[in-house]
Amino acid sequence: MYEKSDDFVVEKARKHEWCLCLFFSVDLENATNYKHMMRARQQQDGWTADNDWCAVFNRFYEEFPRDFRRHCPVFSEHNESDGICRAYAPVLWKFAGDEILFYAPLTDFRQTLGHVDAFAQTVINFNKTFIKKGIDLRCKGTAWVAGFPMNNRVVWVPREDRNQPLLIDFIGSSIDTGFRLAKFSSSRRLVVSLDLLWMLAISGQRCRHINRFGWLRYKFHGEHELKGVLDSKPYPIFWVDLEYRDVDLWRVPPEISFDDIISFCKDFAESTPNNAFIRPFLVGDPDDELAEVPSHFEKQHNLLLAYLALVQDSRKHTDAPQASDSSLRLPDNALMLSTIK
């Protein structure tokens, strides 16, 4: 049901065309303490299946990506009846210690609902399994969006074996924001960035008829300063409640209406200077509000294209020696990044 996500992103990046991607991070709560606890048990009892902490982490690395992708087709199977464009599959971006990172390019704003729902269900199911098996670990998730090539860039590097797919990486302020937000996530709180929340709220309004998304409820965690983000302006922390129960309403803030969320996001974007917070948009999106390109974007995009063309042209005329084997050269985009100050 899915197109190849890597190819889509690489092609957009090669042409320096606008591309909006959804990112996910899943990490393990209590991981360090769990490893130390299992190590103590190993010293006391010897190695057993019950204290082999590495086997637990291996299963997490192997099974979480598989289960995440397995949940996603539930979204695509109903695309025709829902009127939602076919989604690109979430891609395993990389491992970072106990953390697994994914990304998925977006072509329809409503795809955010399907992917967030699938990711949340995977986190919930993994935590149920941990509880059932008596494993003192819990998954915690974070989700955000990043747009390219403005504010963020795609970097790709070929492998030594040119028949293998390119290695893709992402850098930029939105990527950094996502990592900063992760410190507020927990097994109950799936933290989402403000621009993703904006898209989810609009999607929730338009897709009220799709019952399987109705359980997604958003809570506010206050405003917190994120190092290096928004020039130190406090950032609003919102989250999806993964353990929603009516009896818990007195413990956590009530869910916020879609109208209130959208109004808040608009006000926040207008009050943030220097376009540090860009309104999310998808060129050609079926929703007029999300298809609208911000007024400053075209000018900034043209300036970037002109700059990259100048760098490309100057490199063609340089006298610097080039590697004789073209397979050893970095692709153009990576070389351009190395010249930007």
Protein backbone atom coordinates (compact mmCIF):
# COMPACT_ATOMS: atom_id res chain seq x y z
CA MET A 1 0.00 0.00 0.00
CA TYR A 2 2.99 2.30 0.44
CA GLU A 3 5.38 4.11 -1.86
CA LYS A 4 9.10 4.16 -1.03
CA SER A 5 9.54 6.96 1.48
CA ASP A 6 13.31 7.25 1.08
CA ASP A 7 13.05 7.82 -2.66
CA PHE A 8 10.41 10.51 -2.17
CA VAL A 9 12.49 12.45 0.35
CA VAL A 10 15.74 12.13 -1.63
CA GLU A 11 14.09 13.31 -4.83
CA LYS A 12 12.57 16.33 -3.07
CA ALA A 13 15.93 17.15 -1.48
CA ARG A 14 17.84 16.87 -4.76
CA LYS A 15 15.49 19.44 -6.30
CA HIS A 16 15.41 21.55 -3.11
CA GLU A 17 11.60 21.34 -3.18
CA TRP A 18 9.49 21.76 -0.06
CA CYS A 19 8.98 18.53 1.85
CA LEU A 20 7.29 18.13 5.23
CA CYS A 21 8.14 15.04 7.28
CA LEU A 22 6.72 13.60 10.46
CA PHE A 23 9.28 12.34 13.00
CA PHE A 24 8.93 9.90 15.87
CA SER A 25 11.18 9.02 18.78
CA VAL A 26 10.59 6.09 21.11
CA ASP A 27 12.85 5.68 24.12
CA LEU A 28 12.84 3.44 27.19
CA GLU A 29 12.01 4.78 30.64
CA ASN A 30 14.09 3.40 33.51
CA ALA A 31 16.58 1.84 31.07
CA THR A 32 19.74 2.71 33.01
CA ASN A 33 18.34 1.53 36.34
CA TYR A 34 17.05 -1.65 34.70
CA LYS A 35 20.49 -2.50 33.29
CA HIS A 36 22.16 -1.96 36.65
CA MET A 37 19.49 -4.05 38.42
CA MET A 38 19.91 -6.93 35.95
CA ARG A 39 23.70 -6.70 36.25
CA ALA A 40 23.41 -7.07 40.03
CA ARG A 41 21.19 -10.10 39.59
CA GLN A 42 23.67 -11.63 37.16
CA GLN A 43 26.49 -11.22 39.68
CA GLN A 44 24.36 -12.90 42.35
CA ASP A 45 22.60 -15.64 40.38
CA GLY A 46 24.70 -16.00 37.23
CA TRP A 47 23.38 -15.52 33.71
CA THR A 48 19.79 -16.67 33.22
CA ALA A 49 17.05 -15.95 30.72
CA ASP A 50 15.30 -13.89 33.39
CA ASN A 51 18.17 -11.44 33.89
CA ASP A 52 19.51 -11.13 30.34
CA TRP A 53 18.79 -7.43 29.89
CA CYS A 54 20.40 -7.39 26.44
CA ALA A 55 17.81 -9.84 25.08
CA VAL A 56 15.01 -7.49 26.20
CA PHE A 57 16.62 -4.57 24.35
CA ASN A 58 17.21 -6.67 21.25
CA ARG A 59 13.52 -7.54 21.12
CA PHE A 60 12.65 -3.86 21.49
CA TYR A 61 14.94 -2.91 18.57
CA GLU A 62 13.57 -5.68 16.37
CA GLU A 63 9.90 -5.73 17.25
CA PHE A 64 8.96 -2.08 17.76
CA PRO A 65 9.73 -0.98 14.16
CA ARG A 66 7.94 -4.05 12.81
CA ASP A 67 4.86 -3.50 14.98
CA PHE A 68 4.77 0.22 14.16
CA ARG A 69 4.66 -0.52 10.45
CA ARG A 70 2.10 -3.26 11.06
CA HIS A 71 -0.27 -0.77 12.68
CA CYS A 72 0.13 1.76 9.87
CA PRO A 73 -1.67 -0.27 7.13
CA VAL A 74 -4.83 0.01 9.22
CA PHE A 75 -4.77 3.64 8.11
CA SER A 76 -4.14 2.98 4.42
CA GLU A 77 -6.76 0.26 4.04
CA HIS A 78 -9.49 2.88 4.50
CA ASN A 79 -7.94 5.59 2.35
CA GLU A 80 -10.47 5.34 -0.44
CA SER A 81 -13.50 5.66 1.84
CA ASP A 82 -11.87 8.36 3.99
CA GLY A 83 -10.73 10.43 1.03
CA ILE A 84 -7.19 10.51 2.41
CA CYS A 85 -4.26 10.32 0.04
CA ARG A 86 -2.22 7.14 0.30
CA ALA A 87 0.42 7.47 3.01
CA TYR A 88 4.13 6.90 2.77
CA ALA A 89 5.39 4.31 5.22
CA PRO A 90 7.29 5.35 8.34
CA VAL A 91 10.99 4.63 7.86
CA LEU A 92 13.47 3.55 10.50
CA TRP A 93 15.79 6.57 10.57
CA LYS A 94 18.41 5.40 13.07
CA PHE A 95 19.15 4.02 16.53
CA ALA A 96 20.57 6.32 19.21
CA GLY A 97 21.42 4.33 22.33
CA ASP A 98 18.10 3.08 23.75
CA GLU A 99 16.18 5.35 21.37
CA ILE A 100 14.65 4.45 17.99
CA LEU A 101 13.90 7.23 15.49
CA PHE A 102 11.50 7.14 12.53
CA TYR A 103 10.35 9.53 9.84
CA ALA A 104 7.55 9.61 7.26
CA PRO A 105 7.02 12.19 4.49
CA LEU A 106 3.56 13.77 4.41
CA THR A 107 1.42 14.46 1.34
CA ASP A 108 -1.96 14.93 3.09
CA PHE A 109 -2.41 16.67 6.46
CA ARG A 110 -4.78 13.94 7.64
CA GLN A 111 -1.99 11.37 7.42
CA THR A 112 -0.72 12.80 10.71
CA LEU A 113 -3.70 11.21 12.45
CA GLY A 114 -2.99 7.78 11.00
CA HIS A 115 0.69 7.79 11.82
CA VAL A 116 0.31 9.24 15.33
CA ASP A 117 -2.48 6.75 16.06
CA ALA A 118 -0.31 3.84 14.84
CA PHE A 119 2.71 5.02 16.83
CA ALA A 120 0.66 5.56 19.99
CA GLN A 121 -0.94 2.13 19.71
CA THR A 122 2.49 0.54 19.33
CA VAL A 123 3.77 2.31 22.46
CA ILE A 124 0.67 1.26 24.42
CA ASN A 125 0.93 -2.38 23.33
CA PHE A 126 4.64 -2.57 24.15
CA ASN A 127 4.02 -1.19 27.62
CA LYS A 128 1.24 -3.71 28.19
CA THR A 129 3.69 -6.46 27.24
CA PHE A 130 6.34 -5.11 29.64
CA ILE A 131 3.77 -5.05 32.46
CA LYS A 132 2.50 -8.55 31.66
CA LYS A 133 6.04 -9.98 31.70
CA GLY A 134 7.07 -8.09 34.82
CA ILE A 135 9.78 -6.14 33.00
CA ASP A 136 10.50 -2.82 34.73
CA LEU A 137 10.74 -0.81 31.49
CA ARG A 138 8.28 1.45 29.68
CA CYS A 139 8.27 3.02 26.23
CA LYS A 140 7.88 6.77 25.95
CA GLY A 141 7.26 8.60 22.69
CA THR A 142 7.68 12.00 21.07
CA ALA A 143 6.43 13.23 17.69
CA TRP A 144 7.14 16.35 15.67
CA VAL A 145 7.31 17.68 12.11
CA ALA A 146 10.14 19.31 10.17
CA GLY A 147 10.10 20.99 6.79
CA PHE A 148 12.90 20.96 4.22
CA PRO A 149 14.92 22.74 2.85
CA MET A 150 13.93 25.80 4.95
CA ASN A 151 15.21 25.73 8.56
CA ASN A 152 16.21 22.09 8.10
CA ARG A 153 18.24 20.15 5.58
CA VAL A 154 18.44 16.59 4.28
CA VAL A 155 21.94 15.12 4.09
CA TRP A 156 22.62 11.94 2.20
CA VAL A 157 25.84 9.99 1.71
CA PRO A 158 26.38 6.99 -0.60
CA ARG A 159 27.62 3.70 0.79
CA GLU A 160 30.84 2.06 -0.42
CA ASP A 161 28.63 -0.48 -2.18
CA ARG A 162 26.80 1.76 -4.64
CA ASN A 163 24.07 -0.86 -5.02
CA GLN A 164 23.02 -0.19 -1.43
CA PRO A 165 20.55 2.61 -0.60
CA LEU A 166 21.84 6.04 0.43
CA LEU A 167 22.36 6.86 4.09
CA ILE A 168 19.97 9.69 4.95
CA ASP A 169 20.24 12.07 7.86
CA PHE A 170 18.39 15.22 8.92
CA ILE A 171 19.71 18.37 10.57
CA GLY A 172 18.10 21.66 11.52
CA SER A 173 16.27 23.62 14.18
CA SER A 174 13.04 21.60 13.97
CA ILE A 175 15.00 18.37 14.44
CA ASP A 176 16.68 19.86 17.51
CA THR A 177 13.30 20.97 18.85
CA GLY A 178 11.99 17.42 18.65
CA PHE A 179 14.91 16.10 20.68
CA ARG A 180 14.41 18.86 23.26
CA LEU A 181 10.72 17.97 23.60
CA ALA A 182 11.54 14.32 24.28
CA LYS A 183 12.60 15.10 27.85
CA PHE A 184 8.93 15.87 28.68
CA SER A 185 7.58 12.57 27.38
CA SER A 186 6.67 9.62 29.57
CA SER A 187 4.92 6.28 29.25
CA ARG A 188 1.66 8.21 29.61
CA ARG A 189 2.57 11.42 27.77
CA LEU A 190 3.19 11.24 24.02
CA VAL A 191 4.57 14.76 23.55
CA VAL A 192 3.85 16.44 20.21
CA SER A 193 5.40 19.60 18.78
CA LEU A 194 3.19 22.66 18.42
CA ASP A 195 3.18 22.61 14.61
CA LEU A 196 2.23 18.92 14.61
CA LEU A 197 -0.49 19.66 17.18
CA TRP A 198 -1.83 22.33 14.80
CA MET A 199 -2.09 19.77 12.01
CA LEU A 200 -3.64 17.16 14.28
CA ALA A 201 -6.29 19.62 15.47
CA ILE A 202 -7.29 20.60 11.94
CA SER A 203 -7.24 16.93 10.93
CA GLY A 204 -9.38 16.05 13.95
CA GLN A 205 -11.97 18.63 12.91
CA ARG A 206 -12.13 17.35 9.35
CA CYS A 207 -12.10 13.67 10.31
CA ARG A 208 -14.64 13.51 13.13
CA HIS A 209 -16.43 10.79 11.16
CA ILE A 210 -13.42 8.44 11.42
CA ASN A 211 -14.13 6.75 14.74
CA ARG A 212 -10.77 5.09 15.21
CA PHE A 213 -9.10 8.47 15.72
CA GLY A 214 -11.60 9.68 18.31
CA TRP A 215 -9.58 8.40 21.28
CA LEU A 216 -6.70 10.87 20.65
CA ARG A 217 -6.97 13.48 23.41
CA TYR A 218 -4.59 16.39 23.86
CA LYS A 219 -3.42 17.88 27.17
CA PHE A 220 -1.38 20.96 28.05
CA HIS A 221 1.77 20.64 30.18
CA GLY A 222 2.65 24.32 30.51
CA GLU A 223 5.28 26.47 28.81
CA HIS A 224 8.95 25.63 29.23
CA GLU A 225 12.15 27.11 27.88
CA LEU A 226 13.91 24.76 25.46
CA LYS A 227 17.62 25.41 25.10
CA GLY A 228 18.37 27.02 21.74
CA VAL A 229 14.72 26.98 20.61
CA LEU A 230 12.66 30.09 19.74
CA ASP A 231 15.35 32.44 21.08
CA SER A 232 14.59 31.22 24.61
CA LYS A 233 10.87 32.06 24.32
CA PRO A 234 8.92 29.52 26.44
CA TYR A 235 7.62 26.65 24.31
CA PRO A 236 4.10 25.22 24.90
CA ILE A 237 4.22 21.52 25.73
CA PHE A 238 1.22 19.47 24.58
CA TRP A 239 0.78 15.74 24.80
CA VAL A 240 -1.48 12.87 23.80
CA ASP A 241 -2.83 10.91 26.78
CA LEU A 242 -1.92 7.24 26.30
CA GLU A 243 -3.62 6.01 29.47
CA TYR A 244 -6.91 7.87 29.28
CA ARG A 245 -9.42 6.79 31.91
CA ASP A 246 -12.46 8.71 33.09
CA VAL A 247 -11.53 8.16 36.74
CA ASP A 248 -8.24 9.98 36.15
CA LEU A 249 -9.77 13.26 35.01
CA TRP A 250 -9.09 14.89 38.39
CA ARG A 251 -5.37 14.08 38.10
CA VAL A 252 -4.64 15.58 34.69
CA PRO A 253 -5.90 18.62 32.78
CA PRO A 254 -9.02 18.01 30.69
CA GLU A 255 -8.64 17.65 26.95
CA ILE A 256 -8.66 20.85 24.91
CA SER A 257 -11.07 21.51 22.04
CA PHE A 258 -9.80 21.60 18.46
CA ASP A 259 -10.98 25.20 18.08
CA ASP A 260 -9.01 26.30 21.14
CA ILE A 261 -5.89 24.49 19.93
CA ILE A 262 -6.04 26.06 16.46
CA SER A 263 -6.65 29.53 17.88
CA PHE A 264 -3.75 29.12 20.32
CA CYS A 265 -1.37 27.93 17.57
CA LYS A 266 -2.27 30.88 15.32
CA ASP A 267 -1.71 33.39 18.11
CA PHE A 268 1.59 31.77 19.05
CA ALA A 269 2.88 31.84 15.46
CA GLU A 270 1.94 35.50 15.05
CA SER A 271 3.65 36.45 18.31
CA THR A 272 6.90 34.63 17.55
CA PRO A 273 9.48 36.94 15.91
CA ASN A 274 11.81 36.23 12.98
CA ASN A 275 9.70 33.36 11.64
CA ALA A 276 11.26 31.13 14.29
CA PHE A 277 7.99 29.17 14.34
CA ILE A 278 6.72 28.46 10.82
CA ARG A 279 3.08 27.61 10.25
CA PRO A 280 2.96 24.05 8.89
CA PHE A 281 1.89 23.72 5.26
CA LEU A 282 1.72 21.10 2.52
CA VAL A 283 1.81 22.25 -1.09
CA GLY A 284 -1.32 20.92 -2.80
CA ASP A 285 -2.96 19.77 0.44
CA PRO A 286 -6.76 19.28 0.17
CA ASP A 287 -7.29 21.65 3.11
CA ASP A 288 -7.06 25.28 2.00
CA GLU A 289 -5.63 26.43 5.32
CA LEU A 290 -2.78 23.94 5.29
CA ALA A 291 -2.14 24.30 1.55
CA GLU A 292 -1.51 28.04 1.89
CA VAL A 293 2.18 28.86 1.56
CA PRO A 294 3.35 31.41 4.19
CA SER A 295 3.99 34.85 2.68
CA HIS A 296 7.68 34.93 3.57
CA PHE A 297 8.44 31.41 2.36
CA GLU A 298 8.69 31.99 -1.40
CA LYS A 299 11.13 34.88 -0.98
CA GLN A 300 13.34 32.95 1.43
CA HIS A 301 13.17 29.83 -0.72
CA ASN A 302 14.29 31.78 -3.81
CA LEU A 303 17.19 33.28 -1.86
CA LEU A 304 18.26 29.79 -0.78
CA LEU A 305 18.05 28.43 -4.33
CA ALA A 306 20.11 31.36 -5.64
CA TYR A 307 22.73 30.78 -2.96
CA LEU A 308 22.96 27.05 -3.66
CA ALA A 309 23.27 27.71 -7.39
CA LEU A 310 26.11 30.14 -6.69
CA VAL A 311 27.89 27.57 -4.53
CA GLN A 312 27.42 24.93 -7.21
CA ASP A 313 28.77 27.21 -9.89
CA SER A 314 31.80 28.30 -7.86
CA ARG A 315 32.68 24.69 -7.12
CA LYS A 316 32.64 23.85 -10.83
CA HIS A 317 35.34 26.45 -11.43
CA THR A 318 37.55 25.68 -8.45
CA ASP A 319 41.09 24.47 -8.98
CA ALA A 320 40.90 22.16 -5.98
CA PRO A 321 41.80 18.54 -6.89
CA GLN A 322 38.93 16.11 -7.18
CA ALA A 323 38.94 12.41 -6.37
CA SER A 324 39.49 10.32 -9.50
CA ASP A 325 36.94 7.79 -8.36
CA SER A 326 33.51 9.46 -8.48
CA SER A 327 32.12 6.90 -6.05
CA LEU A 328 34.30 8.46 -3.33
CA ARG A 329 32.75 11.90 -3.69
CA LEU A 330 29.99 13.11 -1.44
CA PRO A 331 26.74 14.03 -3.17
CA ASP A 332 26.21 17.68 -4.02
CA ASN A 333 23.87 18.42 -1.16
CA ALA A 334 26.35 17.24 1.47
CA LEU A 335 29.15 19.27 -0.13
CA MET A 336 26.97 22.36 -0.12
CA LEU A 337 26.29 21.94 3.56
CA SER A 338 30.01 21.89 4.31
CA THR A 339 30.41 25.35 2.73
CA ILE A 340 27.59 27.07 4.62
CA LYS A 341 28.80 29.19 7.53
